[in-house]
PDB file of N, CA and C in Angstrom:
ATOM      1  N   MET A   1     -24.917  13.681  -4.386  1.00  0.00           N
ATOM      2  CA  MET A   1     -24.389  12.472  -3.789  1.00  0.00           C
ATOM      3  C   MET A   1     -22.967  12.247  -4.290  1.00  0.00           C
ATOM      4  N   GLN A   2     -22.134  11.752  -3.424  1.00  0.00           N
ATOM      5  CA  GLN A   2     -20.733  11.466  -3.740  1.00  0.00           C
ATOM      6  C   GLN A   2     -20.589   9.988  -4.117  1.00  0.00           C
ATOM      7  N   TYR A   3     -19.791   9.707  -5.124  1.00  0.00           N
ATOM      8  CA  TYR A   3     -19.508   8.333  -5.544  1.00  0.00           C
ATOM      9  C   TYR A   3     -18.013   8.075  -5.436  1.00  0.00           C
ATOM     10  N   ILE A   4     -17.677   6.861  -5.068  1.00  0.00           N
ATOM     11  CA  ILE A   4     -16.285   6.483  -4.872  1.00  0.00           C
ATOM     12  C   ILE A   4     -15.967   5.280  -5.745  1.00  0.00           C
ATOM     13  N   VAL A   5     -14.902   5.396  -6.519  1.00  0.00           N
ATOM     14  CA  VAL A   5     -14.374   4.256  -7.267  1.00  0.00           C
ATOM     15  C   VAL A   5     -13.220   3.734  -6.428  1.00  0.00           C
ATOM     16  N   TYR A   6     -13.208   2.434  -6.196  1.00  0.00           N
ATOM     17  CA  TYR A   6     -12.221   1.866  -5.285  1.00  0.00           C
ATOM     18  C   TYR A   6     -11.578   0.624  -5.876  1.00  0.00           C
ATOM     19  N   VAL A   7     -10.393   0.330  -5.372  1.00  0.00           N
ATOM     20  CA  VAL A   7      -9.653  -0.858  -5.776  1.00  0.00           C
ATOM     21  C   VAL A   7      -9.285  -1.603  -4.499  1.00  0.00           C
ATOM     22  N   LEU A   8      -9.651  -2.883  -4.458  1.00  0.00           N
ATOM     23  CA  LEU A   8      -9.302  -3.743  -3.334  1.00  0.00           C
ATOM     24  C   LEU A   8      -8.237  -4.728  -3.786  1.00  0.00           C
ATOM     25  N   ILE A   9      -7.382  -5.113  -2.867  1.00  0.00           N
ATOM     26  CA  ILE A   9      -6.354  -6.103  -3.173  1.00  0.00           C
ATOM     27  C   ILE A   9      -6.260  -7.058  -1.987  1.00  0.00           C
ATOM     28  N   ASP A  10      -6.035  -8.337  -2.282  1.00  0.00           N
ATOM     29  CA  ASP A  10      -5.857  -9.301  -1.190  1.00  0.00           C
ATOM     30  C   ASP A  10      -4.386  -9.672  -1.069  1.00  0.00           C
ATOM     31  N   GLU A  11      -4.077 -10.524  -0.091  1.00  0.00           N
ATOM     32  CA  GLU A  11      -2.670 -10.836   0.181  1.00  0.00           C
ATOM     33  C   GLU A  11      -1.980 -11.592  -0.950  1.00  0.00           C
ATOM     34  N   SER A  12      -2.756 -12.236  -1.825  1.00  0.00           N
ATOM     35  CA  SER A  12      -2.151 -12.946  -2.949  1.00  0.00           C
ATOM     36  C   SER A  12      -1.961 -12.046  -4.169  1.00  0.00           C
ATOM     37  N   GLY A  13      -2.442 -10.803  -4.087  1.00  0.00           N
ATOM     38  CA  GLY A  13      -2.287  -9.866  -5.191  1.00  0.00           C
ATOM     39  C   GLY A  13      -3.495  -9.765  -6.101  1.00  0.00           C
ATOM     40  N   LYS A  14      -4.561 -10.503  -5.810  1.00  0.00           N
ATOM     41  CA  LYS A  14      -5.778 -10.395  -6.618  1.00  0.00           C
ATOM     42  C   LYS A  14      -6.400  -9.027  -6.395  1.00  0.00           C
ATOM     43  N   VAL A  15      -6.938  -8.455  -7.485  1.00  0.00           N
ATOM     44  CA  VAL A  15      -7.455  -7.090  -7.455  1.00  0.00           C
ATOM     45  C   VAL A  15      -8.939  -7.098  -7.809  1.00  0.00           C
ATOM     46  N   TYR A  16      -9.709  -6.248  -7.128  1.00  0.00           N
ATOM     47  CA  TYR A  16     -11.124  -6.048  -7.415  1.00  0.00           C
ATOM     48  C   TYR A  16     -11.354  -4.556  -7.566  1.00  0.00           C
ATOM     49  N   LYS A  17     -12.098  -4.168  -8.609  1.00  0.00           N
ATOM     50  CA  LYS A  17     -12.408  -2.760  -8.850  1.00  0.00           C
ATOM     51  C   LYS A  17     -13.912  -2.576  -8.787  1.00  0.00           C
ATOM     52  N   GLY A  18     -14.359  -1.513  -8.131  1.00  0.00           N
ATOM     53  CA  GLY A  18     -15.787  -1.265  -8.031  1.00  0.00           C
ATOM     54  C   GLY A  18     -16.082   0.188  -7.740  1.00  0.00           C
ATOM     55  N   MET A  19     -17.391   0.486  -7.594  1.00  0.00           N
ATOM     56  CA  MET A  19     -17.810   1.839  -7.245  1.00  0.00           C
ATOM     57  C   MET A  19     -18.993   1.763  -6.303  1.00  0.00           C
ATOM     58  N   THR A  20     -19.157   2.796  -5.491  1.00  0.00           N
ATOM     59  CA  THR A  20     -20.221   2.822  -4.498  1.00  0.00           C
ATOM     60  C   THR A  20     -20.466   4.254  -4.046  1.00  0.00           C
ATOM     61  N   SER A  21     -21.590   4.461  -3.384  1.00  0.00           N
ATOM     62  CA  SER A  21     -21.843   5.748  -2.745  1.00  0.00           C
ATOM     63  C   SER A  21     -21.614   5.647  -1.239  1.00  0.00           C
ATOM     64  N   ASN A  22     -21.375   4.421  -0.736  1.00  0.00           N
ATOM     65  CA  ASN A  22     -21.137   4.210   0.689  1.00  0.00           C
ATOM     66  C   ASN A  22     -20.010   3.183   0.841  1.00  0.00           C
ATOM     67  N   LEU A  23     -18.789   3.667   0.916  1.00  0.00           N
ATOM     68  CA  LEU A  23     -17.627   2.778   0.933  1.00  0.00           C
ATOM     69  C   LEU A  23     -17.600   1.908   2.191  1.00  0.00           C
ATOM     70  N   ARG A  24     -17.951   2.463   3.321  1.00  0.00           N
ATOM     71  CA  ARG A  24     -17.930   1.684   4.562  1.00  0.00           C
ATOM     72  C   ARG A  24     -18.857   0.473   4.470  1.00  0.00           C
ATOM     73  N   LYS A  25     -20.087   0.678   3.985  1.00  0.00           N
ATOM     74  CA  LYS A  25     -21.038  -0.428   3.844  1.00  0.00           C
ATOM     75  C   LYS A  25     -20.560  -1.436   2.801  1.00  0.00           C
ATOM     76  N   ARG A  26     -20.031  -0.923   1.715  1.00  0.00           N
ATOM     77  CA  ARG A  26     -19.572  -1.814   0.639  1.00  0.00           C
ATOM     78  C   ARG A  26     -18.401  -2.673   1.108  1.00  0.00           C
ATOM     79  N   LEU A  27     -17.477  -2.097   1.856  1.00  0.00           N
ATOM     80  CA  LEU A  27     -16.358  -2.878   2.395  1.00  0.00           C
ATOM     81  C   LEU A  27     -16.864  -3.954   3.355  1.00  0.00           C
ATOM     82  N   TYR A  28     -17.852  -3.608   4.171  1.00  0.00           N
ATOM     83  CA  TYR A  28     -18.453  -4.603   5.063  1.00  0.00           C
ATOM     84  C   TYR A  28     -19.017  -5.765   4.245  1.00  0.00           C
ATOM     85  N   ASP A  29     -19.732  -5.440   3.162  1.00  0.00           N
ATOM     86  CA  ASP A  29     -20.290  -6.486   2.294  1.00  0.00           C
ATOM     87  C   ASP A  29     -19.191  -7.385   1.739  1.00  0.00           C
ATOM     88  N   HIS A  30     -18.105  -6.786   1.281  1.00  0.00           N
ATOM     89  CA  HIS A  30     -16.994  -7.570   0.729  1.00  0.00           C
ATOM     90  C   HIS A  30     -16.353  -8.450   1.798  1.00  0.00           C
ATOM     91  N   LYS A  31     -16.056  -7.866   2.932  1.00  0.00           N
ATOM     92  CA  LYS A  31     -15.341  -8.599   3.974  1.00  0.00           C
ATOM     93  C   LYS A  31     -16.190  -9.671   4.647  1.00  0.00           C
ATOM     94  N   SER A  32     -17.513  -9.510   4.614  1.00  0.00           N
ATOM     95  CA  SER A  32     -18.380 -10.534   5.207  1.00  0.00           C
ATOM     96  C   SER A  32     -18.875 -11.528   4.156  1.00  0.00           C
ATOM     97  N   LYS A  33     -18.222 -11.515   2.989  1.00  0.00           N
ATOM     98  CA  LYS A  33     -18.446 -12.499   1.920  1.00  0.00           C
ATOM     99  C   LYS A  33     -19.846 -12.428   1.314  1.00  0.00           C
ATOM    100  N   HIS A  34     -20.465 -11.230   1.307  1.00  0.00           N
ATOM    101  CA  HIS A  34     -21.774 -11.050   0.687  1.00  0.00           C
ATOM    102  C   HIS A  34     -21.659 -10.748  -0.806  1.00  0.00           C
ATOM    103  N   THR A  35     -20.454 -10.602  -1.300  1.00  0.00           N
ATOM    104  CA  THR A  35     -20.217 -10.320  -2.712  1.00  0.00           C
ATOM    105  C   THR A  35     -19.538 -11.537  -3.334  1.00  0.00           C
ATOM    106  N   ARG A  36     -20.180 -12.116  -4.348  1.00  0.00           N
ATOM    107  CA  ARG A  36     -19.692 -13.367  -4.922  1.00  0.00           C
ATOM    108  C   ARG A  36     -18.250 -13.270  -5.418  1.00  0.00           C
ATOM    109  N   THR A  37     -17.918 -12.220  -6.117  1.00  0.00           N
ATOM    110  CA  THR A  37     -16.581 -12.099  -6.698  1.00  0.00           C
ATOM    111  C   THR A  37     -15.495 -12.069  -5.634  1.00  0.00           C
ATOM    112  N   THR A  38     -15.707 -11.338  -4.564  1.00  0.00           N
ATOM    113  CA  THR A  38     -14.671 -11.213  -3.540  1.00  0.00           C
ATOM    114  C   THR A  38     -14.783 -12.265  -2.445  1.00  0.00           C
ATOM    115  N   SER A  39     -15.800 -13.093  -2.484  1.00  0.00           N
ATOM    116  CA  SER A  39     -15.957 -14.104  -1.428  1.00  0.00           C
ATOM    117  C   SER A  39     -14.822 -15.126  -1.442  1.00  0.00           C
ATOM    118  N   ARG A  40     -14.195 -15.315  -2.595  1.00  0.00           N
ATOM    119  CA  ARG A  40     -13.088 -16.271  -2.704  1.00  0.00           C
ATOM    120  C   ARG A  40     -11.730 -15.622  -2.469  1.00  0.00           C
ATOM    121  N   MET A  41     -11.734 -14.313  -2.283  1.00  0.00           N
ATOM    122  CA  MET A  41     -10.483 -13.597  -2.046  1.00  0.00           C
ATOM    123  C   MET A  41     -10.174 -13.605  -0.560  1.00  0.00           C
ATOM    124  N   GLY A  42      -8.916 -13.440  -0.228  1.00  0.00           N
ATOM    125  CA  GLY A  42      -8.489 -13.440   1.167  1.00  0.00           C
ATOM    126  C   GLY A  42      -8.759 -12.108   1.843  1.00  0.00           C
ATOM    127  N   ASP A  43      -7.904 -11.734   2.761  1.00  0.00           N
ATOM    128  CA  ASP A  43      -8.034 -10.499   3.525  1.00  0.00           C
ATOM    129  C   ASP A  43      -7.921  -9.298   2.589  1.00  0.00           C
ATOM    130  N   LEU A  44      -8.987  -8.521   2.465  1.00  0.00           N
ATOM    131  CA  LEU A  44      -9.043  -7.414   1.513  1.00  0.00           C
ATOM    132  C   LEU A  44      -8.591  -6.109   2.139  1.00  0.00           C
ATOM    133  N   LYS A  45      -7.820  -5.361   1.380  1.00  0.00           N
ATOM    134  CA  LYS A  45      -7.365  -4.029   1.789  1.00  0.00           C
ATOM    135  C   LYS A  45      -7.728  -3.042   0.686  1.00  0.00           C
ATOM    136  N   VAL A  46      -8.089  -1.827   1.070  1.00  0.00           N
ATOM    137  CA  VAL A  46      -8.346  -0.769   0.092  1.00  0.00           C
ATOM    138  C   VAL A  46      -6.989  -0.280  -0.401  1.00  0.00           C
ATOM    139  N   ALA A  47      -6.767  -0.413  -1.703  1.00  0.00           N
ATOM    140  CA  ALA A  47      -5.483  -0.026  -2.279  1.00  0.00           C
ATOM    141  C   ALA A  47      -5.522   1.356  -2.915  1.00  0.00           C
ATOM    142  N   TYR A  48      -6.723   1.785  -3.374  1.00  0.00           N
ATOM    143  CA  TYR A  48      -6.802   3.041  -4.114  1.00  0.00           C
ATOM    144  C   TYR A  48      -8.253   3.491  -4.163  1.00  0.00           C
ATOM    145  N   THR A  49      -8.492   4.795  -4.053  1.00  0.00           N
ATOM    146  CA  THR A  49      -9.838   5.352  -4.200  1.00  0.00           C
ATOM    147  C   THR A  49      -9.785   6.659  -4.969  1.00  0.00           C
ATOM    148  N   GLU A  50     -10.882   6.981  -5.631  1.00  0.00           N
ATOM    149  CA  GLU A  50     -11.084   8.279  -6.277  1.00  0.00           C
ATOM    150  C   GLU A  50     -12.528   8.684  -6.032  1.00  0.00           C
ATOM    151  N   ASP A  51     -12.774   9.977  -5.756  1.00  0.00           N
ATOM    152  CA  ASP A  51     -14.114  10.507  -5.498  1.00  0.00           C
ATOM    153  C   ASP A  51     -14.656  11.224  -6.724  1.00  0.00           C
ATOM    154  N   PHE A  52     -15.978  11.091  -6.936  1.00  0.00           N
ATOM    155  CA  PHE A  52     -16.647  11.718  -8.069  1.00  0.00           C
ATOM    156  C   PHE A  52     -17.978  12.310  -7.628  1.00  0.00           C
ATOM    157  N   ASP A  53     -18.404  13.359  -8.321  1.00  0.00           N
ATOM    158  CA  ASP A  53     -19.660  14.021  -7.999  1.00  0.00           C
ATOM    159  C   ASP A  53     -20.863  13.395  -8.690  1.00  0.00           C
ATOM    160  N   THR A  54     -20.631  12.693  -9.799  1.00  0.00           N
ATOM    161  CA  THR A  54     -21.760  12.102 -10.530  1.00  0.00           C
ATOM    162  C   THR A  54     -21.559  10.614 -10.732  1.00  0.00           C
ATOM    163  N   PHE A  55     -22.679   9.911 -10.812  1.00  0.00           N
ATOM    164  CA  PHE A  55     -22.661   8.475 -11.068  1.00  0.00           C
ATOM    165  C   PHE A  55     -21.978   8.188 -12.402  1.00  0.00           C
ATOM    166  N   GLU A  56     -22.297   8.987 -13.406  1.00  0.00           N
ATOM    167  CA  GLU A  56     -21.771   8.756 -14.749  1.00  0.00           C
ATOM    168  C   GLU A  56     -20.247   8.850 -14.792  1.00  0.00           C
ATOM    169  N   SER A  57     -19.677   9.858 -14.134  1.00  0.00           N
ATOM    170  CA  SER A  57     -18.219   9.999 -14.162  1.00  0.00           C
ATOM    171  C   SER A  57     -17.546   8.879 -13.360  1.00  0.00           C
ATOM    172  N   ALA A  58     -18.162   8.461 -12.262  1.00  0.00           N
ATOM    173  CA  ALA A  58     -17.603   7.356 -11.482  1.00  0.00           C
ATOM    174  C   ALA A  58     -17.669   6.056 -12.277  1.00  0.00           C
ATOM    175  N   ARG A  59     -18.777   5.804 -12.927  1.00  0.00           N
ATOM    176  CA  ARG A  59     -18.928   4.573 -13.711  1.00  0.00           C
ATOM    177  C   ARG A  59     -17.922   4.538 -14.863  1.00  0.00           C
ATOM    178  N   LYS A  60     -17.715   5.681 -15.497  1.00  0.00           N
ATOM    179  CA  LYS A  60     -16.748   5.764 -16.594  1.00  0.00           C
ATOM    180  C   LYS A  60     -15.339   5.423 -16.092  1.00  0.00           C
ATOM    181  N   ARG A  61     -14.984   5.934 -14.915  1.00  0.00           N
ATOM    182  CA  ARG A  61     -13.660   5.660 -14.357  1.00  0.00           C
ATOM    183  C   ARG A  61     -13.529   4.193 -13.943  1.00  0.00           C
ATOM    184  N   GLU A  62     -14.592   3.627 -13.366  1.00  0.00           N
ATOM    185  CA  GLU A  62     -14.566   2.213 -13.001  1.00  0.00           C
ATOM    186  C   GLU A  62     -14.341   1.347 -14.246  1.00  0.00           C
ATOM    187  N   LEU A  63     -15.043   1.643 -15.319  1.00  0.00           N
ATOM    188  CA  LEU A  63     -14.867   0.877 -16.554  1.00  0.00           C
ATOM    189  C   LEU A  63     -13.457   1.056 -17.116  1.00  0.00           C
ATOM    190  N   TYR A  64     -12.884   2.254 -16.954  1.00  0.00           N
ATOM    191  CA  TYR A  64     -11.509   2.474 -17.380  1.00  0.00           C
ATOM    192  C   TYR A  64     -10.562   1.563 -16.594  1.00  0.00           C
ATOM    193  N   PHE A  65     -10.737   1.485 -15.268  1.00  0.00           N
ATOM    194  CA  PHE A  65      -9.880   0.628 -14.448  1.00  0.00           C
ATOM    195  C   PHE A  65      -9.982  -0.834 -14.868  1.00  0.00           C
ATOM    196  N   LYS A  66     -11.115  -1.237 -15.414  1.00  0.00           N
ATOM    197  CA  LYS A  66     -11.316  -2.621 -15.834  1.00  0.00           C
ATOM    198  C   LYS A  66     -10.790  -2.883 -17.246  1.00  0.00           C
ATOM    199  N   SER A  67     -10.332  -1.819 -17.931  1.00  0.00           N
ATOM    200  CA  SER A  67      -9.766  -1.968 -19.272  1.00  0.00           C
ATOM    201  C   SER A  67      -8.275  -2.259 -19.168  1.00  0.00           C
ATOM    202  N   ALA A  68      -7.671  -2.624 -20.279  1.00  0.00           N
ATOM    203  CA  ALA A  68      -6.228  -2.898 -20.297  1.00  0.00           C
ATOM    204  C   ALA A  68      -5.432  -1.655 -19.893  1.00  0.00           C
ATOM    205  N   ALA A  69      -5.816  -0.491 -20.411  1.00  0.00           N
ATOM    206  CA  ALA A  69      -5.114   0.743 -20.065  1.00  0.00           C
ATOM    207  C   ALA A  69      -5.266   1.054 -18.580  1.00  0.00           C
ATOM    208  N   GLY A  70      -6.452   0.829 -18.043  1.00  0.00           N
ATOM    209  CA  GLY A  70      -6.696   1.065 -16.625  1.00  0.00           C
ATOM    210  C   GLY A  70      -5.914   0.114 -15.741  1.00  0.00           C
ATOM    211  N   ARG A  71      -5.805  -1.139 -16.163  1.00  0.00           N
ATOM    212  CA  ARG A  71      -5.007  -2.108 -15.402  1.00  0.00           C
ATOM    213  C   ARG A  71      -3.543  -1.695 -15.388  1.00  0.00           C
ATOM    214  N   ARG A  72      -3.045  -1.182 -16.514  1.00  0.00           N
ATOM    215  CA  ARG A  72      -1.666  -0.685 -16.563  1.00  0.00           C
ATOM    216  C   ARG A  72      -1.493   0.516 -15.628  1.00  0.00           C
ATOM    217  N   PHE A  73      -2.464   1.430 -15.651  1.00  0.00           N
ATOM    218  CA  PHE A  73      -2.425   2.594 -14.768  1.00  0.00           C
ATOM    219  C   PHE A  73      -2.338   2.150 -13.309  1.00  0.00           C
ATOM    220  N   LEU A  74      -3.196   1.200 -12.911  1.00  0.00           N
ATOM    221  CA  LEU A  74      -3.203   0.731 -11.536  1.00  0.00           C
ATOM    222  C   LEU A  74      -1.926  -0.009 -11.182  1.00  0.00           C
ATOM    223  N   LYS A  75      -1.371  -0.750 -12.129  1.00  0.00           N
ATOM    224  CA  LYS A  75      -0.116  -1.459 -11.864  1.00  0.00           C
ATOM    225  C   LYS A  75       1.000  -0.455 -11.607  1.00  0.00           C
ATOM    226  N   ASP A  76       1.037   0.633 -12.399  1.00  0.00           N
ATOM    227  CA  ASP A  76       2.039   1.679 -12.188  1.00  0.00           C
ATOM    228  C   ASP A  76       1.813   2.379 -10.844  1.00  0.00           C
ATOM    229  N   LYS A  77       0.554   2.618 -10.506  1.00  0.00           N
ATOM    230  CA  LYS A  77       0.206   3.346  -9.288  1.00  0.00           C
ATOM    231  C   LYS A  77       0.452   2.495  -8.026  1.00  0.00           C
ATOM    232  N   LEU A  78       0.085   1.219  -8.098  1.00  0.00           N
ATOM    233  CA  LEU A  78       0.132   0.349  -6.923  1.00  0.00           C
ATOM    234  C   LEU A  78       1.389  -0.506  -6.843  1.00  0.00           C
ATOM    235  N   GLY A  79       2.089  -0.639  -7.935  1.00  0.00           N
ATOM    236  CA  GLY A  79       3.262  -1.505  -7.961  1.00  0.00           C
ATOM    237  C   GLY A  79       2.882  -2.932  -8.332  1.00  0.00           C
ATOM    238  N   PRO A  80       3.873  -3.814  -8.404  1.00  0.00           N
ATOM    239  CA  PRO A  80       3.607  -5.184  -8.863  1.00  0.00           C
ATOM    240  C   PRO A  80       2.776  -5.992  -7.871  1.00  0.00           C
TER     241      PRO A  80
END
């Protein structure tokens, strides 16, 4: 099974990081306000994705993105 770590951003610059095995379904959940964290965010766009072969490696990368070093990496990658 393939896993995807993704970063969403809204028009105000708020960022959400997550992982899934079905990005299309997960985006539908976010955009239809079925996810509490993103329900208060505006129009969401996929800003960045990475693919992984194992759940463990995807989860490790997701946790990295949620760390200070990961936030710096994403800021450099995505811009201000």
